[in-house]
């Protein structure tokens, strides 16, 4: 996506972002009208915000670094900090969801407002949506909510993606090594 004209940062003069040709986006993540979504959320319409929503609509579960790279490819010079700021504003406004699989960089998606989960490849980190699990305790009712009123469940399934399976990556030994590295990373992250 690229701006059609100008580069001003205010609502009235911010150009619409024109989609580039490519594969059809996943309709669960696609943002048909980023300008309208931003306005409805009470956010100013800017080219970087439109570009971030466009990138995430086309490439859900992207890291901030991947989003920043794709936004720069569309708009030119945009700082990584500006992209982090846009992501934070969009998360706060409910336009973007931040997910944090253990041992992985935070990932972002535009599919919000439902209780879907994720499956993550232990070998390459590929992430995909899993619709809410039905008739299973983790998704419906915890055995003991400790007095909390539960309104959402977040479940991460771990495995090996089809690409890594076909390549022979993801055997038991490599999965154990990844699990060990994730545990060490998780432990060091929480005890710093």
C-alpha atoms as a PDB file:
ATOM      1  CA  UNK A   1       0.000   0.000   0.000  1.00  0.00           C
ATOM      2  CA  UNK A   2       1.216   3.474  -0.695  1.00  0.00           C
ATOM      3  CA  UNK A   3      -0.207   6.952  -0.200  1.00  0.00           C
ATOM      4  CA  UNK A   4      -1.834   8.425  -3.243  1.00  0.00           C
ATOM      5  CA  UNK A   5      -0.709  12.006  -2.541  1.00  0.00           C
ATOM      6  CA  UNK A   6       0.956  14.142   0.111  1.00  0.00           C
ATOM      7  CA  UNK A   7       2.243  13.107   3.499  1.00  0.00           C
ATOM      8  CA  UNK A   8       0.536  15.314   6.072  1.00  0.00           C
ATOM      9  CA  UNK A   9      -0.270  13.878   9.438  1.00  0.00           C
ATOM     10  CA  UNK A  10      -3.773  15.245   9.992  1.00  0.00           C
ATOM     11  CA  UNK A  11      -7.148  13.657   9.344  1.00  0.00           C
ATOM     12  CA  UNK A  12      -8.355  15.909   6.536  1.00  0.00           C
ATOM     13  CA  UNK A  13      -5.215  15.776   4.428  1.00  0.00           C
ATOM     14  CA  UNK A  14      -4.013  12.225   5.021  1.00  0.00           C
ATOM     15  CA  UNK A  15      -4.220  10.357   1.742  1.00  0.00           C
ATOM     16  CA  UNK A  16      -5.985   7.045   1.493  1.00  0.00           C
ATOM     17  CA  UNK A  17      -3.629   4.094   1.344  1.00  0.00           C
ATOM     18  CA  UNK A  18      -4.089   2.247  -1.937  1.00  0.00           C
ATOM     19  CA  UNK A  19      -3.702  -1.542  -1.677  1.00  0.00           C
ATOM     20  CA  UNK A  20      -1.054  -3.208  -3.797  1.00  0.00           C
ATOM     21  CA  UNK A  21      -1.852  -6.357  -5.747  1.00  0.00           C
ATOM     22  CA  UNK A  22      -1.237  -9.621  -3.921  1.00  0.00           C
ATOM     23  CA  UNK A  23      -2.955 -12.633  -2.432  1.00  0.00           C
ATOM     24  CA  UNK A  24      -6.405 -12.125  -0.973  1.00  0.00           C
ATOM     25  CA  UNK A  25      -6.144 -11.269   2.728  1.00  0.00           C
ATOM     26  CA  UNK A  26      -7.573 -13.557   5.414  1.00  0.00           C
ATOM     27  CA  UNK A  27     -11.046 -12.061   5.900  1.00  0.00           C
ATOM     28  CA  UNK A  28     -10.741 -12.528   9.665  1.00  0.00           C
ATOM     29  CA  UNK A  29      -7.834 -10.061   9.714  1.00  0.00           C
ATOM     30  CA  UNK A  30      -8.559  -7.836   6.735  1.00  0.00           C
ATOM     31  CA  UNK A  31      -9.254  -4.173   7.510  1.00  0.00           C
ATOM     32  CA  UNK A  32     -11.478  -2.991   4.671  1.00  0.00           C
ATOM     33  CA  UNK A  33     -11.375   0.697   5.571  1.00  0.00           C
ATOM     34  CA  UNK A  34      -8.485   1.622   7.884  1.00  0.00           C
ATOM     35  CA  UNK A  35      -9.489   5.298   7.867  1.00  0.00           C
ATOM     36  CA  UNK A  36     -12.994   4.513   9.130  1.00  0.00           C
ATOM     37  CA  UNK A  37     -11.657   2.055  11.747  1.00  0.00           C
ATOM     38  CA  UNK A  38      -9.192   4.647  13.048  1.00  0.00           C
ATOM     39  CA  UNK A  39     -11.861   7.351  13.221  1.00  0.00           C
ATOM     40  CA  UNK A  40     -14.340   5.007  14.939  1.00  0.00           C
ATOM     41  CA  UNK A  41     -11.684   4.223  17.562  1.00  0.00           C
ATOM     42  CA  UNK A  42     -11.104   7.933  18.144  1.00  0.00           C
ATOM     43  CA  UNK A  43      -7.628   7.892  16.608  1.00  0.00           C
ATOM     44  CA  UNK A  44      -6.276  10.442  14.181  1.00  0.00           C
ATOM     45  CA  UNK A  45      -5.936   9.100  10.658  1.00  0.00           C
ATOM     46  CA  UNK A  46      -2.282   9.102   9.621  1.00  0.00           C
ATOM     47  CA  UNK A  47      -0.428   7.342   6.830  1.00  0.00           C
ATOM     48  CA  UNK A  48       1.666   5.255   9.296  1.00  0.00           C
ATOM     49  CA  UNK A  49      -1.462   4.105  11.171  1.00  0.00           C
ATOM     50  CA  UNK A  50      -3.179   3.150   7.926  1.00  0.00           C
ATOM     51  CA  UNK A  51      -0.070   1.329   6.741  1.00  0.00           C
ATOM     52  CA  UNK A  52       0.283  -0.602  10.019  1.00  0.00           C
ATOM     53  CA  UNK A  53      -3.334  -1.768   9.844  1.00  0.00           C
ATOM     54  CA  UNK A  54      -2.834  -2.718   6.180  1.00  0.00           C
ATOM     55  CA  UNK A  55       0.336  -4.701   6.916  1.00  0.00           C
ATOM     56  CA  UNK A  56      -1.300  -6.559   9.794  1.00  0.00           C
ATOM     57  CA  UNK A  57      -4.395  -7.253   7.703  1.00  0.00           C
ATOM     58  CA  UNK A  58      -2.204  -8.912   5.093  1.00  0.00           C
ATOM     59  CA  UNK A  59       0.392 -10.459   7.429  1.00  0.00           C
ATOM     60  CA  UNK A  60      -1.228 -11.259  10.765  1.00  0.00           C
ATOM     61  CA  UNK A  61       0.979 -12.382  13.654  1.00  0.00           C
ATOM     62  CA  UNK A  62       3.843 -10.134  12.521  1.00  0.00           C
ATOM     63  CA  UNK A  63       6.491  -8.859  14.921  1.00  0.00           C
ATOM     64  CA  UNK A  64       6.955  -5.121  15.382  1.00  0.00           C
ATOM     65  CA  UNK A  65      10.215  -5.316  13.423  1.00  0.00           C
ATOM     66  CA  UNK A  66       8.480  -7.035  10.491  1.00  0.00           C
ATOM     67  CA  UNK A  67       5.678  -4.467  10.584  1.00  0.00           C
ATOM     68  CA  UNK A  68       8.210  -1.609  10.635  1.00  0.00           C
ATOM     69  CA  UNK A  69      10.055  -3.051   7.646  1.00  0.00           C
ATOM     70  CA  UNK A  70       6.838  -3.484   5.635  1.00  0.00           C
ATOM     71  CA  UNK A  71       5.605   0.012   6.570  1.00  0.00           C
ATOM     72  CA  UNK A  72       8.925   1.523   5.443  1.00  0.00           C
ATOM     73  CA  UNK A  73       8.617  -0.362   2.143  1.00  0.00           C
ATOM     74  CA  UNK A  74       5.212   1.281   1.640  1.00  0.00           C
ATOM     75  CA  UNK A  75       5.805   4.769   2.951  1.00  0.00           C
ATOM     76  CA  UNK A  76       9.517   5.377   2.889  1.00  0.00           C
ATOM     77  CA  UNK A  77      11.233   6.725   5.971  1.00  0.00           C
ATOM     78  CA  UNK A  78       9.289   5.752   9.097  1.00  0.00           C
ATOM     79  CA  UNK A  79      11.147   5.161  12.351  1.00  0.00           C
ATOM     80  CA  UNK A  80      10.844   1.887  14.210  1.00  0.00           C
ATOM     81  CA  UNK A  81       9.820   3.888  17.286  1.00  0.00           C
ATOM     82  CA  UNK A  82       6.962   5.471  15.318  1.00  0.00           C
ATOM     83  CA  UNK A  83       5.722   1.979  14.379  1.00  0.00           C
ATOM     84  CA  UNK A  84       5.941   0.847  18.026  1.00  0.00           C
ATOM     85  CA  UNK A  85       3.948   3.960  18.992  1.00  0.00           C
ATOM     86  CA  UNK A  86       1.300   3.209  16.343  1.00  0.00           C
ATOM     87  CA  UNK A  87       1.072  -0.422  17.489  1.00  0.00           C
ATOM     88  CA  UNK A  88       0.673   0.664  21.132  1.00  0.00           C
ATOM     89  CA  UNK A  89      -2.043   3.198  20.240  1.00  0.00           C
ATOM     90  CA  UNK A  90      -3.891   0.617  18.139  1.00  0.00           C
ATOM     91  CA  UNK A  91      -3.660  -2.003  20.910  1.00  0.00           C
ATOM     92  CA  UNK A  92      -4.963   0.527  23.464  1.00  0.00           C
ATOM     93  CA  UNK A  93      -7.837   1.431  21.113  1.00  0.00           C
ATOM     94  CA  UNK A  94      -8.752  -2.232  20.561  1.00  0.00           C
ATOM     95  CA  UNK A  95      -7.891  -2.204  16.851  1.00  0.00           C
ATOM     96  CA  UNK A  96      -4.913  -4.538  17.230  1.00  0.00           C
ATOM     97  CA  UNK A  97      -4.259  -7.477  19.522  1.00  0.00           C
ATOM     98  CA  UNK A  98      -0.798  -8.191  20.920  1.00  0.00           C
ATOM     99  CA  UNK A  99       0.058 -11.832  21.530  1.00  0.00           C
ATOM    100  CA  UNK A 100       3.179 -13.032  23.299  1.00  0.00           C
ATOM    101  CA  UNK A 101       3.998 -16.707  22.751  1.00  0.00           C
ATOM    102  CA  UNK A 102       6.635 -17.865  25.257  1.00  0.00           C
ATOM    103  CA  UNK A 103      10.156 -17.461  23.939  1.00  0.00           C
ATOM    104  CA  UNK A 104       9.038 -15.394  20.956  1.00  0.00           C
ATOM    105  CA  UNK A 105       8.871 -11.713  20.143  1.00  0.00           C
ATOM    106  CA  UNK A 106       5.444 -10.140  20.615  1.00  0.00           C
ATOM    107  CA  UNK A 107       3.249 -10.498  17.574  1.00  0.00           C
ATOM    108  CA  UNK A 108       0.354  -8.343  16.415  1.00  0.00           C
ATOM    109  CA  UNK A 109      -2.901  -9.010  14.597  1.00  0.00           C
ATOM    110  CA  UNK A 110      -6.038  -7.124  13.623  1.00  0.00           C
ATOM    111  CA  UNK A 111      -8.421  -9.933  14.540  1.00  0.00           C
ATOM    112  CA  UNK A 112      -9.839  -8.619  17.814  1.00  0.00           C
ATOM    113  CA  UNK A 113     -13.045  -8.921  19.767  1.00  0.00           C
ATOM    114  CA  UNK A 114     -13.332 -12.693  19.654  1.00  0.00           C
ATOM    115  CA  UNK A 115     -11.858 -15.404  21.811  1.00  0.00           C
ATOM    116  CA  UNK A 116      -9.633 -17.157  19.280  1.00  0.00           C
ATOM    117  CA  UNK A 117      -6.360 -18.832  20.131  1.00  0.00           C
ATOM    118  CA  UNK A 118      -3.088 -19.594  18.347  1.00  0.00           C
ATOM    119  CA  UNK A 119      -0.906 -22.479  17.263  1.00  0.00           C
ATOM    120  CA  UNK A 120       2.849 -21.826  17.114  1.00  0.00           C
ATOM    121  CA  UNK A 121       5.540 -23.866  15.370  1.00  0.00           C
ATOM    122  CA  UNK A 122       8.314 -24.819  17.780  1.00  0.00           C
ATOM    123  CA  UNK A 123      10.838 -24.863  14.936  1.00  0.00           C
ATOM    124  CA  UNK A 124      10.269 -21.658  12.950  1.00  0.00           C
ATOM    125  CA  UNK A 125       7.772 -19.675  15.044  1.00  0.00           C
ATOM    126  CA  UNK A 126       5.043 -19.642  12.368  1.00  0.00           C
ATOM    127  CA  UNK A 127       1.774 -18.664  14.048  1.00  0.00           C
ATOM    128  CA  UNK A 128      -1.807 -19.356  12.964  1.00  0.00           C
ATOM    129  CA  UNK A 129      -5.266 -18.744  14.372  1.00  0.00           C
ATOM    130  CA  UNK A 130      -7.270 -21.463  16.077  1.00  0.00           C
ATOM    131  CA  UNK A 131     -10.922 -20.703  16.617  1.00  0.00           C
ATOM    132  CA  UNK A 132     -12.181 -21.097  20.156  1.00  0.00           C
ATOM    133  CA  UNK A 133     -11.967 -24.621  21.472  1.00  0.00           C
ATOM    134  CA  UNK A 134     -15.420 -26.026  22.121  1.00  0.00           C
ATOM    135  CA  UNK A 135     -16.396 -28.249  24.992  1.00  0.00           C
ATOM    136  CA  UNK A 136     -12.963 -28.077  26.578  1.00  0.00           C
ATOM    137  CA  UNK A 137     -12.332 -26.644  30.017  1.00  0.00           C
ATOM    138  CA  UNK A 138      -9.549 -24.162  29.106  1.00  0.00           C
ATOM    139  CA  UNK A 139     -11.866 -22.259  26.834  1.00  0.00           C
ATOM    140  CA  UNK A 140     -15.110 -22.416  28.742  1.00  0.00           C
ATOM    141  CA  UNK A 141     -14.689 -22.476  32.490  1.00  0.00           C
ATOM    142  CA  UNK A 142     -11.541 -22.760  34.600  1.00  0.00           C
ATOM    143  CA  UNK A 143     -11.676 -25.392  37.333  1.00  0.00           C
ATOM    144  CA  UNK A 144     -10.921 -22.649  39.903  1.00  0.00           C
ATOM    145  CA  UNK A 145     -11.071 -18.977  38.884  1.00  0.00           C
ATOM    146  CA  UNK A 146      -9.924 -17.813  42.361  1.00  0.00           C
ATOM    147  CA  UNK A 147     -12.793 -15.349  42.529  1.00  0.00           C
ATOM    148  CA  UNK A 148     -12.032 -13.762  39.156  1.00  0.00           C
ATOM    149  CA  UNK A 149     -14.811 -13.012  36.684  1.00  0.00           C
ATOM    150  CA  UNK A 150     -13.326 -14.611  33.551  1.00  0.00           C
ATOM    151  CA  UNK A 151     -14.139 -12.893  30.259  1.00  0.00           C
ATOM    152  CA  UNK A 152     -11.453 -14.301  27.976  1.00  0.00           C
ATOM    153  CA  UNK A 153      -9.202 -17.339  27.653  1.00  0.00           C
ATOM    154  CA  UNK A 154      -5.870 -17.379  25.855  1.00  0.00           C
ATOM    155  CA  UNK A 155      -4.582 -20.757  24.775  1.00  0.00           C
ATOM    156  CA  UNK A 156      -1.406 -21.370  22.780  1.00  0.00           C
ATOM    157  CA  UNK A 157      -1.008 -24.723  21.076  1.00  0.00           C
ATOM    158  CA  UNK A 158       2.560 -25.739  20.204  1.00  0.00           C
ATOM    159  CA  UNK A 159       3.638 -28.075  17.433  1.00  0.00           C
ATOM    160  CA  UNK A 160       5.413 -28.235  14.095  1.00  0.00           C
ATOM    161  CA  UNK A 161       4.047 -26.396  11.046  1.00  0.00           C
ATOM    162  CA  UNK A 162       3.515 -28.225   7.727  1.00  0.00           C
ATOM    163  CA  UNK A 163       6.585 -26.588   6.132  1.00  0.00           C
ATOM    164  CA  UNK A 164       8.923 -27.676   8.938  1.00  0.00           C
ATOM    165  CA  UNK A 165       7.340 -31.145   9.051  1.00  0.00           C
ATOM    166  CA  UNK A 166       7.874 -31.585   5.296  1.00  0.00           C
ATOM    167  CA  UNK A 167      11.487 -30.424   5.685  1.00  0.00           C
ATOM    168  CA  UNK A 168      12.075 -32.921   8.495  1.00  0.00           C
ATOM    169  CA  UNK A 169      12.563 -30.139  11.018  1.00  0.00           C
ATOM    170  CA  UNK A 170      10.894 -30.443  14.366  1.00  0.00           C
ATOM    171  CA  UNK A 171      11.907 -33.907  15.471  1.00  0.00           C
ATOM    172  CA  UNK A 172      11.721 -34.730  19.183  1.00  0.00           C
ATOM    173  CA  UNK A 173      15.298 -33.685  19.924  1.00  0.00           C
ATOM    174  CA  UNK A 174      14.908 -30.272  18.298  1.00  0.00           C
ATOM    175  CA  UNK A 175      11.571 -29.755  20.047  1.00  0.00           C
ATOM    176  CA  UNK A 176      13.200 -30.580  23.400  1.00  0.00           C
ATOM    177  CA  UNK A 177      16.017 -28.149  22.648  1.00  0.00           C
ATOM    178  CA  UNK A 178      13.540 -25.412  21.731  1.00  0.00           C
ATOM    179  CA  UNK A 179      11.465 -26.107  24.851  1.00  0.00           C
ATOM    180  CA  UNK A 180      14.618 -25.882  26.972  1.00  0.00           C
ATOM    181  CA  UNK A 181      15.684 -22.629  25.313  1.00  0.00           C
ATOM    182  CA  UNK A 182      12.177 -21.217  25.748  1.00  0.00           C
ATOM    183  CA  UNK A 183      12.171 -22.186  29.435  1.00  0.00           C
ATOM    184  CA  UNK A 184      15.556 -20.525  29.992  1.00  0.00           C
ATOM    185  CA  UNK A 185      14.460 -17.402  28.102  1.00  0.00           C
ATOM    186  CA  UNK A 186      11.163 -17.324  29.997  1.00  0.00           C
ATOM    187  CA  UNK A 187      12.945 -17.780  33.337  1.00  0.00           C
ATOM    188  CA  UNK A 188      15.545 -15.065  32.619  1.00  0.00           C
ATOM    189  CA  UNK A 189      12.861 -12.675  31.343  1.00  0.00           C
ATOM    190  CA  UNK A 190      10.824 -12.965  34.543  1.00  0.00           C
ATOM    191  CA  UNK A 191      13.742 -12.777  36.971  1.00  0.00           C
ATOM    192  CA  UNK A 192      15.693  -9.843  35.567  1.00  0.00           C
END
